[in-house]
Protein backbone atom coordinates (compact mmCIF):
# COMPACT_ATOMS: atom_id res chain seq x y z
CA MET A 1 65.64 115.87 146.66
CA ALA A 2 63.71 119.01 145.78
CA GLN A 3 62.12 119.37 142.39
CA VAL A 4 64.27 121.70 140.33
CA SER A 5 64.17 123.83 137.20
CA ILE A 6 65.31 122.36 133.92
CA ASP A 7 68.52 124.44 134.09
CA SER A 8 69.34 123.14 137.57
CA LEU A 9 68.64 119.57 136.48
CA ILE A 10 70.96 119.97 133.49
CA GLN A 11 73.72 121.44 135.67
CA GLY A 12 73.29 118.63 138.20
CA ALA A 13 73.77 116.05 135.47
CA ILE A 14 76.76 117.83 133.92
CA SER A 15 78.45 118.12 137.33
CA GLY A 16 78.44 114.35 137.73
CA ASP A 17 77.28 114.73 141.32
CA TYR A 18 73.65 113.78 140.76
CA ILE A 19 71.35 111.27 139.18
CA VAL A 20 68.56 113.10 137.35
CA SER A 21 65.17 111.94 136.15
CA PHE A 22 63.18 113.17 133.16
CA PRO A 23 60.34 111.88 130.99
CA THR A 24 61.03 110.13 127.69
CA ASP A 25 58.83 108.75 124.92
CA THR A 26 58.65 105.46 126.85
CA VAL A 27 59.06 105.28 130.64
CA PRO A 28 60.74 108.01 132.74
CA ALA A 29 64.53 107.76 132.82
CA LEU A 30 67.11 107.86 135.55
CA ALA A 31 70.23 109.41 134.05
CA ALA A 32 73.79 110.26 135.03
CA ARG A 33 77.02 111.29 133.37
CA PRO A 34 78.42 108.13 131.70
CA ASP A 35 81.57 108.13 133.83
CA ARG A 36 79.39 108.26 136.97
CA SER A 37 77.23 105.25 136.02
CA GLU A 38 77.99 103.62 139.36
CA LEU A 39 75.57 106.12 140.95
CA ILE A 40 72.68 104.53 139.04
CA PHE A 41 73.75 100.95 139.77
CA ALA A 42 73.90 101.78 143.48
CA ALA A 43 70.58 103.67 143.59
CA LYS A 44 68.68 100.96 141.70
CA ARG A 45 70.48 98.08 143.45
CA ARG A 46 71.05 96.92 139.90
CA SER A 47 73.08 93.86 139.00
CA GLN A 48 76.39 94.64 137.27
CA ASP A 49 75.39 92.37 134.39
CA LYS A 50 72.54 94.71 133.36
CA PRO A 51 74.20 97.50 131.37
CA LEU A 52 72.87 101.02 131.06
CA ILE A 53 71.77 102.72 127.84
CA LEU A 54 73.57 105.73 126.40
CA MET A 55 70.93 108.28 125.43
CA ALA A 56 71.62 111.40 123.38
CA ALA A 57 69.83 114.13 121.45
CA SER A 58 71.13 112.92 118.07
CA ALA A 59 72.64 109.90 116.36
CA GLU A 60 75.72 112.01 115.57
CA ALA A 61 76.39 112.40 119.30
CA LEU A 62 76.35 108.60 119.73
CA TRP A 63 78.47 107.31 116.85
CA PRO A 64 81.82 108.09 118.57
CA TYR A 65 80.85 105.49 121.20
CA VAL A 66 80.69 102.59 118.73
CA GLN A 67 83.12 100.86 116.41
CA GLY A 68 82.47 98.82 113.30
CA SER A 69 83.40 98.39 109.68
CA PRO A 70 82.42 101.12 107.20
CA ALA A 71 79.65 98.83 105.89
CA GLU A 72 78.34 98.23 109.42
CA LEU A 73 78.41 101.91 110.27
CA LYS A 74 76.46 102.69 107.11
CA LEU A 75 73.81 100.08 107.98
CA TRP A 76 73.52 101.32 111.56
CA GLU A 77 73.13 104.89 110.31
CA GLN A 78 70.33 103.76 107.96
CA VAL A 79 68.49 102.05 110.83
CA ALA A 80 68.98 105.12 113.03
CA GLU A 81 67.60 107.39 110.29
CA SER A 82 64.52 105.17 110.04
CA PHE A 83 63.75 104.82 113.76
CA TRP A 84 65.40 107.67 115.69
CA PRO A 85 64.25 109.64 117.47
CA GLY A 86 62.15 106.77 118.76
CA ALA A 87 61.68 103.80 121.04
CA LEU A 88 64.48 101.66 119.62
CA THR A 89 67.67 100.83 121.49
CA LEU A 90 70.54 99.55 119.35
CA VAL A 91 73.17 97.40 121.08
CA LEU A 92 76.39 97.83 119.12
CA PRO A 93 80.13 97.15 119.56
CA ALA A 94 81.50 99.72 122.00
CA SER A 95 84.45 101.97 121.26
CA ALA A 96 87.09 102.90 123.83
CA LYS A 97 85.12 106.10 124.52
CA VAL A 98 82.46 104.19 126.52
CA PRO A 99 83.23 104.26 130.27
CA ALA A 100 83.58 100.70 131.61
CA ALA A 101 81.21 101.66 134.43
CA MET A 102 78.28 101.64 131.98
CA ASN A 103 78.60 97.93 131.24
CA PRO A 104 80.91 96.46 133.90
CA ILE A 105 80.51 92.78 132.93
CA ASP A 106 80.71 93.15 129.14
CA PRO A 107 82.35 96.45 128.14
CA THR A 108 82.47 95.34 124.49
CA THR A 109 78.89 96.48 123.74
CA ILE A 110 76.81 99.58 124.35
CA GLY A 111 73.08 100.25 124.01
CA LEU A 112 72.22 103.52 122.24
CA ARG A 113 68.99 105.50 121.92
CA VAL A 114 67.65 108.87 120.83
CA PRO A 115 64.28 109.44 122.52
CA ASN A 116 61.37 110.95 120.58
CA PHE A 117 60.42 113.39 123.32
CA PRO A 118 61.04 117.17 123.13
CA LEU A 119 61.80 117.67 126.83
CA ALA A 120 64.30 114.79 126.92
CA LEU A 121 65.98 116.06 123.74
CA GLN A 122 66.19 119.58 125.19
CA ILE A 123 67.99 118.21 128.26
CA LEU A 124 70.29 115.88 126.31
CA GLU A 125 71.29 118.61 123.85
CA GLN A 126 72.82 120.49 126.76
CA THR A 127 74.20 117.63 128.87
CA GLY A 128 75.59 115.54 126.04
CA PRO A 129 75.04 111.76 126.08
CA LEU A 130 73.89 110.37 129.43
CA ALA A 131 73.85 106.87 130.90
CA THR A 132 70.17 106.02 131.38
CA THR A 133 67.78 103.36 132.60
CA SER A 134 64.16 103.17 133.71
CA ALA A 135 63.22 104.78 137.02
CA ASN A 136 62.63 101.84 139.35
CA LEU A 137 64.41 99.56 141.76
CA SER A 138 65.90 96.64 139.84
CA GLY A 139 63.32 93.96 139.14
CA GLN A 140 60.33 96.21 139.91
CA PRO A 141 57.93 97.83 137.42
CA PRO A 142 58.98 101.22 136.01
CA LEU A 143 57.73 104.22 137.99
CA GLU A 144 55.59 106.58 135.95
CA SER A 145 55.10 109.72 138.06
CA ILE A 146 57.42 112.30 139.59
CA GLY A 147 55.85 111.58 142.99
CA GLN A 148 56.67 107.87 142.76
CA ILE A 149 60.23 108.60 141.62
CA GLU A 150 60.80 111.09 144.44
CA ALA A 151 59.46 108.64 147.03
CA GLN A 152 61.71 105.80 145.86
CA PHE A 153 64.77 107.88 144.94
CA PRO A 154 64.88 110.95 147.24
CA GLN A 155 68.48 111.70 146.12
CA VAL A 156 67.49 112.11 142.46
CA LEU A 157 66.88 115.52 140.85
CA THR A 158 63.41 115.66 139.26
CA LEU A 159 61.74 118.40 137.25
CA ALA A 160 59.33 120.80 138.90
CA PRO A 161 55.79 120.36 137.49
CA SER A 162 55.98 123.64 135.54
CA ALA A 163 59.04 122.33 133.66
CA SER A 164 57.49 118.99 132.79
CA SER A 165 53.86 120.04 132.25
CA THR A 166 54.52 120.74 128.58
CA ALA A 167 55.45 117.11 128.10
CA ALA A 168 53.64 115.09 125.47
CA THR A 169 52.14 111.78 126.48
CA ALA A 170 54.55 108.90 126.73
CA SER A 171 54.10 105.20 126.19
CA SER A 172 54.38 102.96 129.22
CA LEU A 173 56.03 100.35 127.00
CA PRO A 174 59.83 100.19 127.11
CA SER A 175 61.93 100.53 123.99
CA THR A 176 62.60 97.68 121.61
CA VAL A 177 66.18 96.45 122.13
CA ALA A 178 68.02 95.09 119.07
CA LYS A 179 71.57 93.75 119.24
CA TRP A 180 73.89 93.65 116.25
CA THR A 181 75.35 90.14 115.97
CA GLY A 182 77.86 90.97 113.23
CA SER A 183 75.53 89.95 110.42
CA ASN A 184 71.97 90.75 111.54
CA TRP A 185 69.78 91.97 114.41
CA GLU A 186 68.79 89.92 117.44
CA ILE A 187 65.74 91.28 119.27
CA LEU A 188 66.55 91.21 122.99
CA ARG A 189 63.31 92.91 124.06
CA GLN A 190 60.25 93.62 121.96
CA GLY A 191 58.79 97.04 122.71
CA THR A 192 56.82 99.52 120.68
CA VAL A 193 59.06 99.47 117.58
CA GLN A 194 58.94 96.58 115.11
CA LEU A 195 62.43 96.31 113.64
CA GLU A 196 62.26 94.61 110.25
CA TRP A 197 65.57 95.04 108.54
């Protein structure tokens, strides 16, 4: 797929017809409208038991997708204030607003993240929350350049170099993934963020 302007990439994502790719503060993301998550599973040949992450420009955009007690919500908000935007993915109890396609095997949880990357935030502010994952075939290392992503995923919309050249440098480490167990955090994947809470 041709490299496109940021406006065309945003429109492609909003339409639900395309997977898009953009840089984040960790590895580049593949993203799609949450209700079209099956596009990503198919493109990556990803197992249905590996859920996608819901990424948004702000914590406020993500809270409608989770459910918990007032005390839990307050704690989650405190953690979000401390680490978002940033390389921390929180796995929390999913509300009915989460499309089942994002986590086909276990629709009771959803991973949430706000990336610390201006270009990603600019895109997400306009698209709303998107289902995301790293840009790679399932089980392979994350791809780190637009050229690699285009070669492996020719159907994906990527940003033209002029749109992405203003990007800050990203870390090649994935995000830390922390799951709420009902009483504390279980670290599912240790990345750049040390969650001590």
